[in-house]
Structure formats: structure tokens, C-alpha cells
Amino acid sequence: MAATDALVVACINDLTVRHGFGPMATASPPSFQLFSLEDDPDGLWVAEDGEEILGFAWSWVCGDVWFLAQLFVDPARQGEGIGNELLKRTMDHARKSGAAHKALITFTFNRVSQGLYMRHRLFPKMPIYFFNVERERIRQTLPQPPLRATAIDGGAATMENLAGIDSRAIGASREKHHRYLLDDPATKGVLLYAGDDIAGYGYIGSNGHIGPLAVPRPDLLRNAFATMLKLAADGSAEKISAFLPGTCDSALSLAIDQGMRITFPMLLMASPGYGDWTQYLPRNPGFM
């Protein structure tokens, strides 16, 4: 996994540097990749030449949703059909899983990959913007959170509530992924309440990053995001960040009002009939 993580960093930075964004990726422990590999080994494919890794693809499945978390090819070997062969194998994983919906998140400016995905009937759905802001700015301007937050306890009743929210927000339950996040000491998960009614859930990393966040109805999204921003501002991270889909008008408006700025643009691509995220903010392009 260390070798594949190094390949990811090299591929991302090669792409972002060429498009004027500078190097953006750094090495990180492949915790979620290892979790996914143990959960479903069929989701990982590696292209090798001897002992050299040329590329790899990694996907996961939850219920009716198949998600391509990563597909990278060594920049020196791109254009040789390696990416297409890897994608064919991950699409076999989708077919065998019986998932009704397929999706992925890629860089908006990655035109070659987008063409590859469209040939496999994954089409552009909406932009997703990475926003961030200095924590002190949020602390000075954001009012008290409109919703009440309590720690996610991991009990059966709580898991059932989370499954219901996810089913309405993204069309699939993600209990195994919630348990992964709850086992991560660097991540805090909360249930959000409006009075006695559950209004959603959200997670905050120790680095100030918000997501995933989901609500059972679109009209709850702004208050849920505002509450998570306030919780993040009460932490110790220097910056606060989040991925905001282009369909989430209320969250985007709040982000701009609070001085958050776009760092880079990404794109949700999906099979026909999927991808109207008005109740969901993803964690990152691999986790969704």
C-alpha cells in the first residue's frame, strides 16, 4: 500500500502542477484503502511490470452504490491503455456487486480521464468545490449553531438512524463506513438535532475538515453545515475546509458569506439517474 500511495501522490501532483495549482498531495497512511481491501478484496486491481507498479484502481460498494475511489497510472506510462484496462476490471467489480448506481469524483480539469469514464457510461453530473478558510475568521463571524449536536454513540438505534439519513441523501446505507470513521481517533462524529428531531449527521477531522455530512431533507442542509462550521471553529485546527457540491445552494451561500474560498474544483461523474446531491457533503474523493 505504501507504493500505491506514493504513486497517488506523484500522479496528483503531476496533474495539479501542469494545470497551475502547484503540488497538492502528500503521503498519508492508507487507512481507508486497507479497510476497504479487507472488506472487499475484489475492489483492488494493480497493473505491474515486474516489481514496478504502473497503476492501480480501487473501488468499494455500499448497497446499490458502487464508487470508484481511485484510478491512477504512472505519468510516464500514461497513454498505453493501462487506465482503460484497469477501469474494465473495476467495472466488472461493479457488475458482480449488482449495484444499480456507479459514481466517482475526479478533477474538473482532468479531461483525459473524463473521456475514459464517459466511454464507460459515467457522465458529468455536477461540480464539487473544495473550500477552506482560516478558523479565526469563522470564530469571529459565525453566530451560535442553530442545531444541537451530540456524539455518535455507535449503538444499534443510532446506526439505524444514520442508515435512514444516508438512504435519503445518497441512496445507500453506509454502516460499515460510519463504523470506520467512529474508530478513527482523529475524527469526531455528531448527530444533529432540531428540537427532538434528528436533522442529520456530520464528521470533523482533527485537521478541521468537515465531511461527510448528510441530512434527511434539503432544507436542513444550511443549518447542519452552519453547526458543523461552528464546531470546527471551536477546535484547534488553523483552517476549516469542506467539499461542497454545486447543487447545494444554501451551503455554498453560507461558505461565501463566511469568507471561505475555492481552492480547487472537482467533478462528480455517475451513471444515468444518479448524482443529485442536495442533502450530502462528501468527505473526500476516495471516501465519497
C-alpha atoms as a PDB file:
ATOM      1  CA  MET A   1       0.000   0.000   0.000  1.00  0.00           C
ATOM      2  CA  ALA A   2       2.914   2.374   0.601  1.00  0.00           C
ATOM      3  CA  ALA A   3       3.956   2.012  -3.048  1.00  0.00           C
ATOM      4  CA  THR A   4       0.448   2.733  -4.314  1.00  0.00           C
ATOM      5  CA  ASP A   5       0.165   5.761  -2.025  1.00  0.00           C
ATOM      6  CA  ALA A   6       3.429   7.102  -3.454  1.00  0.00           C
ATOM      7  CA  LEU A   7       2.008   6.600  -6.956  1.00  0.00           C
ATOM      8  CA  VAL A   8      -1.146   8.517  -5.998  1.00  0.00           C
ATOM      9  CA  VAL A   9       0.899  11.447  -4.685  1.00  0.00           C
ATOM     10  CA  ALA A  10       3.068  11.507  -7.819  1.00  0.00           C
ATOM     11  CA  CYS A  11       0.068  11.338 -10.183  1.00  0.00           C
ATOM     12  CA  ILE A  12      -1.955  14.015  -8.395  1.00  0.00           C
ATOM     13  CA  ASN A  13       0.958  16.415  -8.163  1.00  0.00           C
ATOM     14  CA  ASP A  14       1.918  15.846 -11.794  1.00  0.00           C
ATOM     15  CA  LEU A  15      -1.636  16.785 -12.806  1.00  0.00           C
ATOM     16  CA  THR A  16      -2.107  19.758 -10.478  1.00  0.00           C
ATOM     17  CA  VAL A  17       1.304  21.253 -11.273  1.00  0.00           C
ATOM     18  CA  ARG A  18       0.614  21.034 -15.016  1.00  0.00           C
ATOM     19  CA  HIS A  19      -2.660  22.911 -14.503  1.00  0.00           C
ATOM     20  CA  GLY A  20      -1.180  25.687 -12.382  1.00  0.00           C
ATOM     21  CA  PHE A  21      -2.358  24.614  -8.930  1.00  0.00           C
ATOM     22  CA  GLY A  22       1.047  23.516  -7.651  1.00  0.00           C
ATOM     23  CA  PRO A  23       1.702  20.266  -5.756  1.00  0.00           C
ATOM     24  CA  MET A  24      -1.319  19.412  -3.599  1.00  0.00           C
ATOM     25  CA  ALA A  25      -0.872  15.821  -2.428  1.00  0.00           C
ATOM     26  CA  THR A  26       1.311  14.484   0.358  1.00  0.00           C
ATOM     27  CA  ALA A  27       1.844  10.937   1.602  1.00  0.00           C
ATOM     28  CA  SER A  28      -0.683   9.706   4.165  1.00  0.00           C
ATOM     29  CA  PRO A  29      -1.437   6.386   5.859  1.00  0.00           C
ATOM     30  CA  PRO A  30      -3.680   4.318   3.526  1.00  0.00           C
ATOM     31  CA  SER A  31      -6.114   3.503   6.349  1.00  0.00           C
ATOM     32  CA  PHE A  32      -9.347   3.573   4.359  1.00  0.00           C
ATOM     33  CA  GLN A  33      -7.760   1.690   1.470  1.00  0.00           C
ATOM     34  CA  LEU A  34      -6.690  -1.102   3.835  1.00  0.00           C
ATOM     35  CA  PHE A  35     -10.143  -1.143   5.441  1.00  0.00           C
ATOM     36  CA  SER A  36     -11.771  -1.444   2.007  1.00  0.00           C
ATOM     37  CA  LEU A  37      -9.330  -4.143   0.891  1.00  0.00           C
ATOM     38  CA  GLU A  38     -10.160  -6.252   3.937  1.00  0.00           C
ATOM     39  CA  ASP A  39     -13.893  -5.658   3.451  1.00  0.00           C
ATOM     40  CA  ASP A  40     -13.903  -6.491  -0.281  1.00  0.00           C
ATOM     41  CA  PRO A  41     -10.624  -7.612  -1.924  1.00  0.00           C
ATOM     42  CA  ASP A  42     -12.299  -7.671  -5.367  1.00  0.00           C
ATOM     43  CA  GLY A  43     -12.283  -3.863  -5.354  1.00  0.00           C
ATOM     44  CA  LEU A  44      -8.496  -3.511  -5.854  1.00  0.00           C
ATOM     45  CA  TRP A  45      -6.590  -4.054  -9.115  1.00  0.00           C
ATOM     46  CA  VAL A  46      -2.888  -3.370  -9.699  1.00  0.00           C
ATOM     47  CA  ALA A  47      -1.016  -3.131 -13.033  1.00  0.00           C
ATOM     48  CA  GLU A  48       2.590  -4.293 -12.673  1.00  0.00           C
ATOM     49  CA  ASP A  49       5.675  -4.680 -14.833  1.00  0.00           C
ATOM     50  CA  GLY A  50       7.942  -6.987 -12.871  1.00  0.00           C
ATOM     51  CA  GLU A  51       8.209  -5.366  -9.448  1.00  0.00           C
ATOM     52  CA  GLU A  52       7.222  -1.927 -10.744  1.00  0.00           C
ATOM     53  CA  ILE A  53       3.673  -0.688 -10.117  1.00  0.00           C
ATOM     54  CA  LEU A  54       2.379   1.050 -13.239  1.00  0.00           C
ATOM     55  CA  GLY A  55      -1.086   1.860 -11.967  1.00  0.00           C
ATOM     56  CA  PHE A  56      -3.947   0.691  -9.804  1.00  0.00           C
ATOM     57  CA  ALA A  57      -7.694   1.019  -9.368  1.00  0.00           C
ATOM     58  CA  TRP A  58      -9.685   0.775  -6.158  1.00  0.00           C
ATOM     59  CA  SER A  59     -13.459   0.724  -5.763  1.00  0.00           C
ATOM     60  CA  TRP A  60     -15.939  -0.017  -2.969  1.00  0.00           C
ATOM     61  CA  VAL A  61     -19.611  -0.928  -2.793  1.00  0.00           C
ATOM     62  CA  CYS A  62     -22.338   0.018  -0.334  1.00  0.00           C
ATOM     63  CA  GLY A  63     -25.777  -1.334  -1.114  1.00  0.00           C
ATOM     64  CA  ASP A  64     -26.851  -0.109  -4.548  1.00  0.00           C
ATOM     65  CA  VAL A  65     -23.898   2.287  -4.954  1.00  0.00           C
ATOM     66  CA  TRP A  66     -20.533   1.326  -6.494  1.00  0.00           C
ATOM     67  CA  PHE A  67     -17.874   4.003  -6.148  1.00  0.00           C
ATOM     68  CA  LEU A  68     -14.526   4.278  -7.941  1.00  0.00           C
ATOM     69  CA  ALA A  69     -12.352   5.695  -5.185  1.00  0.00           C
ATOM     70  CA  GLN A  70      -9.048   5.892  -7.085  1.00  0.00           C
ATOM     71  CA  LEU A  71      -7.636   5.129 -10.519  1.00  0.00           C
ATOM     72  CA  PHE A  72      -4.082   6.266 -11.198  1.00  0.00           C
ATOM     73  CA  VAL A  73      -1.443   5.427 -13.802  1.00  0.00           C
ATOM     74  CA  ASP A  74       2.238   6.333 -13.605  1.00  0.00           C
ATOM     75  CA  PRO A  75       2.603   9.613 -15.584  1.00  0.00           C
ATOM     76  CA  ALA A  76       5.491   8.060 -17.535  1.00  0.00           C
ATOM     77  CA  ARG A  77       3.250   5.203 -18.729  1.00  0.00           C
ATOM     78  CA  GLN A  78       0.059   7.067 -19.491  1.00  0.00           C
ATOM     79  CA  GLY A  79      -1.365   6.699 -22.992  1.00  0.00           C
ATOM     80  CA  GLU A  80      -0.553   2.990 -23.168  1.00  0.00           C
ATOM     81  CA  GLY A  81      -4.077   1.762 -22.363  1.00  0.00           C
ATOM     82  CA  ILE A  82      -3.282   0.837 -18.766  1.00  0.00           C
ATOM     83  CA  GLY A  83      -6.024   3.038 -17.336  1.00  0.00           C
ATOM     84  CA  ASN A  84      -8.610   1.579 -19.684  1.00  0.00           C
ATOM     85  CA  GLU A  85      -7.690  -1.984 -18.713  1.00  0.00           C
ATOM     86  CA  LEU A  86      -7.850  -1.136 -15.015  1.00  0.00           C
ATOM     87  CA  LEU A  87     -11.221   0.534 -15.451  1.00  0.00           C
ATOM     88  CA  LYS A  88     -12.590  -2.527 -17.274  1.00  0.00           C
ATOM     89  CA  ARG A  89     -11.717  -4.650 -14.269  1.00  0.00           C
ATOM     90  CA  THR A  90     -13.262  -2.276 -11.764  1.00  0.00           C
ATOM     91  CA  MET A  91     -16.407  -2.140 -13.881  1.00  0.00           C
ATOM     92  CA  ASP A  92     -16.501  -5.944 -13.578  1.00  0.00           C
ATOM     93  CA  HIS A  93     -16.469  -5.403  -9.816  1.00  0.00           C
ATOM     94  CA  ALA A  94     -19.481  -3.096 -10.185  1.00  0.00           C
ATOM     95  CA  ARG A  95     -21.353  -5.604 -12.319  1.00  0.00           C
ATOM     96  CA  LYS A  96     -20.677  -8.535  -9.983  1.00  0.00           C
ATOM     97  CA  SER A  97     -21.817  -6.489  -6.987  1.00  0.00           C
ATOM     98  CA  GLY A  98     -25.202  -5.852  -8.580  1.00  0.00           C
ATOM     99  CA  ALA A  99     -25.007  -2.134  -7.763  1.00  0.00           C
ATOM    100  CA  ALA A 100     -27.659  -0.048  -9.505  1.00  0.00           C
ATOM    101  CA  HIS A 101     -25.614   3.173  -9.424  1.00  0.00           C
ATOM    102  CA  LYS A 102     -21.978   3.932 -10.245  1.00  0.00           C
ATOM    103  CA  ALA A 103     -20.098   7.117  -9.374  1.00  0.00           C
ATOM    104  CA  LEU A 104     -16.674   8.725  -8.903  1.00  0.00           C
ATOM    105  CA  ILE A 105     -15.121  12.130  -8.181  1.00  0.00           C
ATOM    106  CA  THR A 106     -12.304  13.455 -10.372  1.00  0.00           C
ATOM    107  CA  PHE A 107     -10.523  16.744 -11.036  1.00  0.00           C
ATOM    108  CA  THR A 108     -12.570  19.070 -13.238  1.00  0.00           C
ATOM    109  CA  PHE A 109      -9.523  19.761 -15.416  1.00  0.00           C
ATOM    110  CA  ASN A 110      -8.666  16.064 -15.907  1.00  0.00           C
ATOM    111  CA  ARG A 111     -10.062  15.877 -19.447  1.00  0.00           C
ATOM    112  CA  VAL A 112      -8.395  12.607 -20.454  1.00  0.00           C
ATOM    113  CA  SER A 113      -9.858  10.717 -17.500  1.00  0.00           C
ATOM    114  CA  GLN A 114     -13.288  12.217 -18.057  1.00  0.00           C
ATOM    115  CA  GLY A 115     -13.287  10.941 -21.630  1.00  0.00           C
ATOM    116  CA  LEU A 116     -12.297   7.486 -20.379  1.00  0.00           C
ATOM    117  CA  TYR A 117     -15.106   7.453 -17.819  1.00  0.00           C
ATOM    118  CA  MET A 118     -17.688   8.627 -20.334  1.00  0.00           C
ATOM    119  CA  ARG A 119     -16.742   5.759 -22.649  1.00  0.00           C
ATOM    120  CA  HIS A 120     -17.783   3.520 -19.760  1.00  0.00           C
ATOM    121  CA  ARG A 121     -21.122   5.378 -19.362  1.00  0.00           C
ATOM    122  CA  LEU A 122     -20.143   7.507 -16.371  1.00  0.00           C
ATOM    123  CA  PHE A 123     -21.170  11.075 -17.178  1.00  0.00           C
ATOM    124  CA  PRO A 124     -20.514  14.539 -15.640  1.00  0.00           C
ATOM    125  CA  LYS A 125     -23.191  15.382 -13.070  1.00  0.00           C
ATOM    126  CA  MET A 126     -22.093  18.420 -11.069  1.00  0.00           C
ATOM    127  CA  PRO A 127     -19.036  20.321  -9.837  1.00  0.00           C
ATOM    128  CA  ILE A 128     -17.763  19.818  -6.304  1.00  0.00           C
ATOM    129  CA  TYR A 129     -15.696  22.657  -4.856  1.00  0.00           C
ATOM    130  CA  PHE A 130     -13.063  22.355  -2.148  1.00  0.00           C
ATOM    131  CA  PHE A 131     -13.446  25.371   0.161  1.00  0.00           C
ATOM    132  CA  ASN A 132     -11.305  26.453   3.075  1.00  0.00           C
ATOM    133  CA  VAL A 133     -10.941  29.395   5.448  1.00  0.00           C
ATOM    134  CA  GLU A 134      -8.893  30.469   8.454  1.00  0.00           C
ATOM    135  CA  ARG A 135     -10.530  29.215  11.649  1.00  0.00           C
ATOM    136  CA  GLU A 136     -10.304  32.617  13.344  1.00  0.00           C
ATOM    137  CA  ARG A 137     -12.479  34.189  10.666  1.00  0.00           C
ATOM    138  CA  ILE A 138     -15.270  31.693  11.356  1.00  0.00           C
ATOM    139  CA  ARG A 139     -14.904  32.203  15.111  1.00  0.00           C
ATOM    140  CA  GLN A 140     -15.405  35.939  14.708  1.00  0.00           C
ATOM    141  CA  THR A 141     -18.382  35.959  12.344  1.00  0.00           C
ATOM    142  CA  LEU A 142     -20.488  32.794  12.672  1.00  0.00           C
ATOM    143  CA  PRO A 143     -23.425  33.003  15.107  1.00  0.00           C
ATOM    144  CA  GLN A 144     -24.295  30.269  17.580  1.00  0.00           C
ATOM    145  CA  PRO A 145     -25.119  26.967  15.847  1.00  0.00           C
ATOM    146  CA  PRO A 146     -28.822  26.564  15.018  1.00  0.00           C
ATOM    147  CA  LEU A 147     -28.819  22.814  15.737  1.00  0.00           C
ATOM    148  CA  ARG A 148     -27.871  20.741  18.764  1.00  0.00           C
ATOM    149  CA  ALA A 149     -25.029  18.254  18.365  1.00  0.00           C
ATOM    150  CA  THR A 150     -24.444  15.026  20.303  1.00  0.00           C
ATOM    151  CA  ALA A 151     -21.669  12.487  19.822  1.00  0.00           C
ATOM    152  CA  ILE A 152     -22.499   9.472  17.657  1.00  0.00           C
ATOM    153  CA  ASP A 153     -22.503   6.527  20.061  1.00  0.00           C
ATOM    154  CA  GLY A 154     -22.362   3.617  17.613  1.00  0.00           C
ATOM    155  CA  GLY A 155     -25.365   1.852  19.133  1.00  0.00           C
ATOM    156  CA  ALA A 156     -27.916  -0.081  17.081  1.00  0.00           C
ATOM    157  CA  ALA A 157     -30.568   2.661  17.223  1.00  0.00           C
ATOM    158  CA  THR A 158     -28.049   5.303  16.143  1.00  0.00           C
ATOM    159  CA  MET A 159     -26.791   3.150  13.266  1.00  0.00           C
ATOM    160  CA  GLU A 160     -30.391   2.709  12.129  1.00  0.00           C
ATOM    161  CA  ASN A 161     -30.908   6.471  12.145  1.00  0.00           C
ATOM    162  CA  LEU A 162     -27.693   7.032  10.178  1.00  0.00           C
ATOM    163  CA  ALA A 163     -28.748   4.404   7.639  1.00  0.00           C
ATOM    164  CA  GLY A 164     -32.063   6.183   7.145  1.00  0.00           C
ATOM    165  CA  ILE A 165     -30.378   9.542   6.578  1.00  0.00           C
ATOM    166  CA  ASP A 166     -27.880   8.078   4.099  1.00  0.00           C
ATOM    167  CA  SER A 167     -30.583   6.238   2.192  1.00  0.00           C
ATOM    168  CA  ARG A 168     -32.447   9.508   1.644  1.00  0.00           C
ATOM    169  CA  ALA A 169     -29.323  11.563   0.947  1.00  0.00           C
ATOM    170  CA  ILE A 170     -27.254   9.268  -1.304  1.00  0.00           C
ATOM    171  CA  GLY A 171     -29.419   6.207  -1.947  1.00  0.00           C
ATOM    172  CA  ALA A 172     -27.492   3.689   0.175  1.00  0.00           C
ATOM    173  CA  SER A 173     -26.773   2.792   3.782  1.00  0.00           C
ATOM    174  CA  ARG A 174     -23.114   3.113   4.794  1.00  0.00           C
ATOM    175  CA  GLU A 175     -22.996   1.487   8.228  1.00  0.00           C
ATOM    176  CA  LYS A 176     -19.548  -0.040   7.664  1.00  0.00           C
ATOM    177  CA  HIS A 177     -18.134   3.348   6.712  1.00  0.00           C
ATOM    178  CA  HIS A 178     -19.649   5.009   9.778  1.00  0.00           C
ATOM    179  CA  ARG A 179     -18.008   2.369  11.946  1.00  0.00           C
ATOM    180  CA  TYR A 180     -14.705   3.049  10.185  1.00  0.00           C
ATOM    181  CA  LEU A 181     -14.992   6.769  10.955  1.00  0.00           C
ATOM    182  CA  LEU A 182     -16.050   6.166  14.560  1.00  0.00           C
ATOM    183  CA  ASP A 183     -12.926   4.023  15.057  1.00  0.00           C
ATOM    184  CA  ASP A 184     -10.706   6.847  13.767  1.00  0.00           C
ATOM    185  CA  PRO A 185      -9.301   8.777  16.767  1.00  0.00           C
ATOM    186  CA  ALA A 186      -8.660  11.817  14.528  1.00  0.00           C
ATOM    187  CA  THR A 187     -12.342  12.119  13.570  1.00  0.00           C
ATOM    188  CA  LYS A 188     -15.351  13.262  15.600  1.00  0.00           C
ATOM    189  CA  GLY A 189     -18.879  12.314  14.544  1.00  0.00           C
ATOM    190  CA  VAL A 190     -22.074  14.009  15.742  1.00  0.00           C
ATOM    191  CA  LEU A 191     -25.808  13.628  15.308  1.00  0.00           C
ATOM    192  CA  LEU A 192     -27.586  16.925  14.705  1.00  0.00           C
ATOM    193  CA  TYR A 193     -30.968  17.742  16.256  1.00  0.00           C
ATOM    194  CA  ALA A 194     -33.620  20.388  15.643  1.00  0.00           C
ATOM    195  CA  GLY A 195     -35.511  20.179  18.893  1.00  0.00           C
ATOM    196  CA  ASP A 196     -36.107  16.469  19.434  1.00  0.00           C
ATOM    197  CA  ASP A 197     -35.935  15.602  15.725  1.00  0.00           C
ATOM    198  CA  ILE A 198     -32.789  14.245  14.080  1.00  0.00           C
ATOM    199  CA  ALA A 199     -31.695  16.765  11.455  1.00  0.00           C
ATOM    200  CA  GLY A 200     -28.617  14.976  10.109  1.00  0.00           C
ATOM    201  CA  TYR A 201     -25.093  13.956  10.984  1.00  0.00           C
ATOM    202  CA  GLY A 202     -21.601  15.268  10.377  1.00  0.00           C
ATOM    203  CA  TYR A 203     -17.941  14.456  10.944  1.00  0.00           C
ATOM    204  CA  ILE A 204     -14.985  16.737  11.669  1.00  0.00           C
ATOM    205  CA  GLY A 205     -11.341  15.732  11.362  1.00  0.00           C
ATOM    206  CA  SER A 206      -8.618  16.978  13.685  1.00  0.00           C
ATOM    207  CA  ASN A 207      -7.351  18.950  10.671  1.00  0.00           C
ATOM    208  CA  GLY A 208     -10.574  20.998  10.616  1.00  0.00           C
ATOM    209  CA  HIS A 209     -12.092  19.229   7.608  1.00  0.00           C
ATOM    210  CA  ILE A 210     -15.872  18.751   7.629  1.00  0.00           C
ATOM    211  CA  GLY A 211     -17.441  15.702   5.987  1.00  0.00           C
ATOM    212  CA  PRO A 212     -19.203  13.575   5.299  1.00  0.00           C
ATOM    213  CA  LEU A 213     -22.348  15.445   6.240  1.00  0.00           C
ATOM    214  CA  ALA A 214     -25.879  14.322   5.384  1.00  0.00           C
ATOM    215  CA  VAL A 215     -29.401  15.499   6.142  1.00  0.00           C
ATOM    216  CA  PRO A 216     -32.807  13.841   5.536  1.00  0.00           C
ATOM    217  CA  ARG A 217     -34.187  16.910   3.700  1.00  0.00           C
ATOM    218  CA  PRO A 218     -32.521  19.611   1.560  1.00  0.00           C
ATOM    219  CA  ASP A 219     -33.962  22.450   3.664  1.00  0.00           C
ATOM    220  CA  LEU A 220     -31.886  21.257   6.655  1.00  0.00           C
ATOM    221  CA  LEU A 221     -28.531  21.485   4.907  1.00  0.00           C
ATOM    222  CA  ARG A 222     -27.656  25.114   5.642  1.00  0.00           C
ATOM    223  CA  ASN A 223     -28.291  24.797   9.385  1.00  0.00           C
ATOM    224  CA  ALA A 224     -26.413  21.495   9.506  1.00  0.00           C
ATOM    225  CA  PHE A 225     -23.396  22.969   7.731  1.00  0.00           C
ATOM    226  CA  ALA A 226     -23.504  26.086   9.939  1.00  0.00           C
ATOM    227  CA  THR A 227     -23.482  23.912  13.043  1.00  0.00           C
ATOM    228  CA  MET A 228     -20.532  21.880  11.797  1.00  0.00           C
ATOM    229  CA  LEU A 229     -18.629  25.061  10.916  1.00  0.00           C
ATOM    230  CA  LYS A 230     -19.147  26.310  14.464  1.00  0.00           C
ATOM    231  CA  LEU A 231     -17.970  23.024  15.958  1.00  0.00           C
ATOM    232  CA  ALA A 232     -14.898  23.072  13.719  1.00  0.00           C
ATOM    233  CA  ALA A 233     -14.184  26.679  14.716  1.00  0.00           C
ATOM    234  CA  ASP A 234     -14.204  25.634  18.371  1.00  0.00           C
ATOM    235  CA  GLY A 235     -11.404  23.154  17.616  1.00  0.00           C
ATOM    236  CA  SER A 236      -7.679  23.776  17.316  1.00  0.00           C
ATOM    237  CA  ALA A 237      -7.061  23.387  13.564  1.00  0.00           C
ATOM    238  CA  GLU A 238      -5.749  26.529  11.855  1.00  0.00           C
ATOM    239  CA  LYS A 239      -8.026  26.087   8.831  1.00  0.00           C
ATOM    240  CA  ILE A 240     -11.515  24.751   8.219  1.00  0.00           C
ATOM    241  CA  SER A 241     -12.409  23.039   4.959  1.00  0.00           C
ATOM    242  CA  ALA A 242     -15.206  21.158   3.190  1.00  0.00           C
ATOM    243  CA  PHE A 243     -16.188  19.762  -0.198  1.00  0.00           C
ATOM    244  CA  LEU A 244     -19.406  21.448  -1.375  1.00  0.00           C
ATOM    245  CA  PRO A 245     -21.435  20.122  -4.321  1.00  0.00           C
ATOM    246  CA  GLY A 246     -22.596  22.664  -6.853  1.00  0.00           C
ATOM    247  CA  THR A 247     -26.223  21.613  -6.209  1.00  0.00           C
ATOM    248  CA  CYS A 248     -26.084  22.688  -2.549  1.00  0.00           C
ATOM    249  CA  ASP A 249     -27.011  26.361  -2.951  1.00  0.00           C
ATOM    250  CA  SER A 250     -27.604  27.026   0.746  1.00  0.00           C
ATOM    251  CA  ALA A 251     -24.257  25.560   1.829  1.00  0.00           C
ATOM    252  CA  LEU A 252     -22.411  27.395  -0.939  1.00  0.00           C
ATOM    253  CA  SER A 253     -24.031  30.694   0.054  1.00  0.00           C
ATOM    254  CA  LEU A 254     -23.077  30.162   3.683  1.00  0.00           C
ATOM    255  CA  ALA A 255     -19.495  29.312   2.735  1.00  0.00           C
ATOM    256  CA  ILE A 256     -19.133  32.500   0.701  1.00  0.00           C
ATOM    257  CA  ASP A 257     -20.777  34.598   3.422  1.00  0.00           C
ATOM    258  CA  GLN A 258     -18.240  33.252   5.929  1.00  0.00           C
ATOM    259  CA  GLY A 259     -15.266  34.101   3.740  1.00  0.00           C
ATOM    260  CA  MET A 260     -14.488  30.590   2.553  1.00  0.00           C
ATOM    261  CA  ARG A 261     -12.682  30.406  -0.781  1.00  0.00           C
ATOM    262  CA  ILE A 262     -12.428  27.774  -3.504  1.00  0.00           C
ATOM    263  CA  THR A 263      -9.061  26.012  -3.547  1.00  0.00           C
ATOM    264  CA  PHE A 264      -9.713  23.668  -6.451  1.00  0.00           C
ATOM    265  CA  PRO A 265     -12.661  22.285  -8.442  1.00  0.00           C
ATOM    266  CA  MET A 266     -13.684  18.659  -8.771  1.00  0.00           C
ATOM    267  CA  LEU A 267     -16.430  16.835 -10.642  1.00  0.00           C
ATOM    268  CA  LEU A 268     -18.912  14.113  -9.772  1.00  0.00           C
ATOM    269  CA  MET A 269     -19.361  11.626 -12.598  1.00  0.00           C
ATOM    270  CA  ALA A 270     -22.038   8.930 -12.402  1.00  0.00           C
ATOM    271  CA  SER A 271     -24.253   6.507 -14.253  1.00  0.00           C
ATOM    272  CA  PRO A 272     -27.569   7.864 -15.581  1.00  0.00           C
ATOM    273  CA  GLY A 273     -30.119   8.587 -12.864  1.00  0.00           C
ATOM    274  CA  TYR A 274     -27.658   9.133 -10.011  1.00  0.00           C
ATOM    275  CA  GLY A 275     -25.868  12.113  -8.523  1.00  0.00           C
ATOM    276  CA  ASP A 276     -28.340  14.781  -7.396  1.00  0.00           C
ATOM    277  CA  TRP A 277     -26.610  15.572  -4.111  1.00  0.00           C
ATOM    278  CA  THR A 278     -28.689  18.256  -2.401  1.00  0.00           C
ATOM    279  CA  GLN A 279     -28.512  16.612   1.048  1.00  0.00           C
ATOM    280  CA  TYR A 280     -24.895  15.460   1.193  1.00  0.00           C
ATOM    281  CA  LEU A 281     -21.385  16.891   1.518  1.00  0.00           C
ATOM    282  CA  PRO A 282     -18.672  14.307   0.706  1.00  0.00           C
ATOM    283  CA  ARG A 283     -15.631  13.661   2.883  1.00  0.00           C
ATOM    284  CA  ASN A 284     -13.077  13.394   0.056  1.00  0.00           C
ATOM    285  CA  PRO A 285     -12.804  11.959  -3.484  1.00  0.00           C
ATOM    286  CA  GLY A 286     -11.950   8.465  -2.203  1.00  0.00           C
ATOM    287  CA  PHE A 287     -14.384   8.103   0.671  1.00  0.00           C
ATOM    288  CA  MET A 288     -17.249   9.960  -1.063  1.00  0.00           C
END
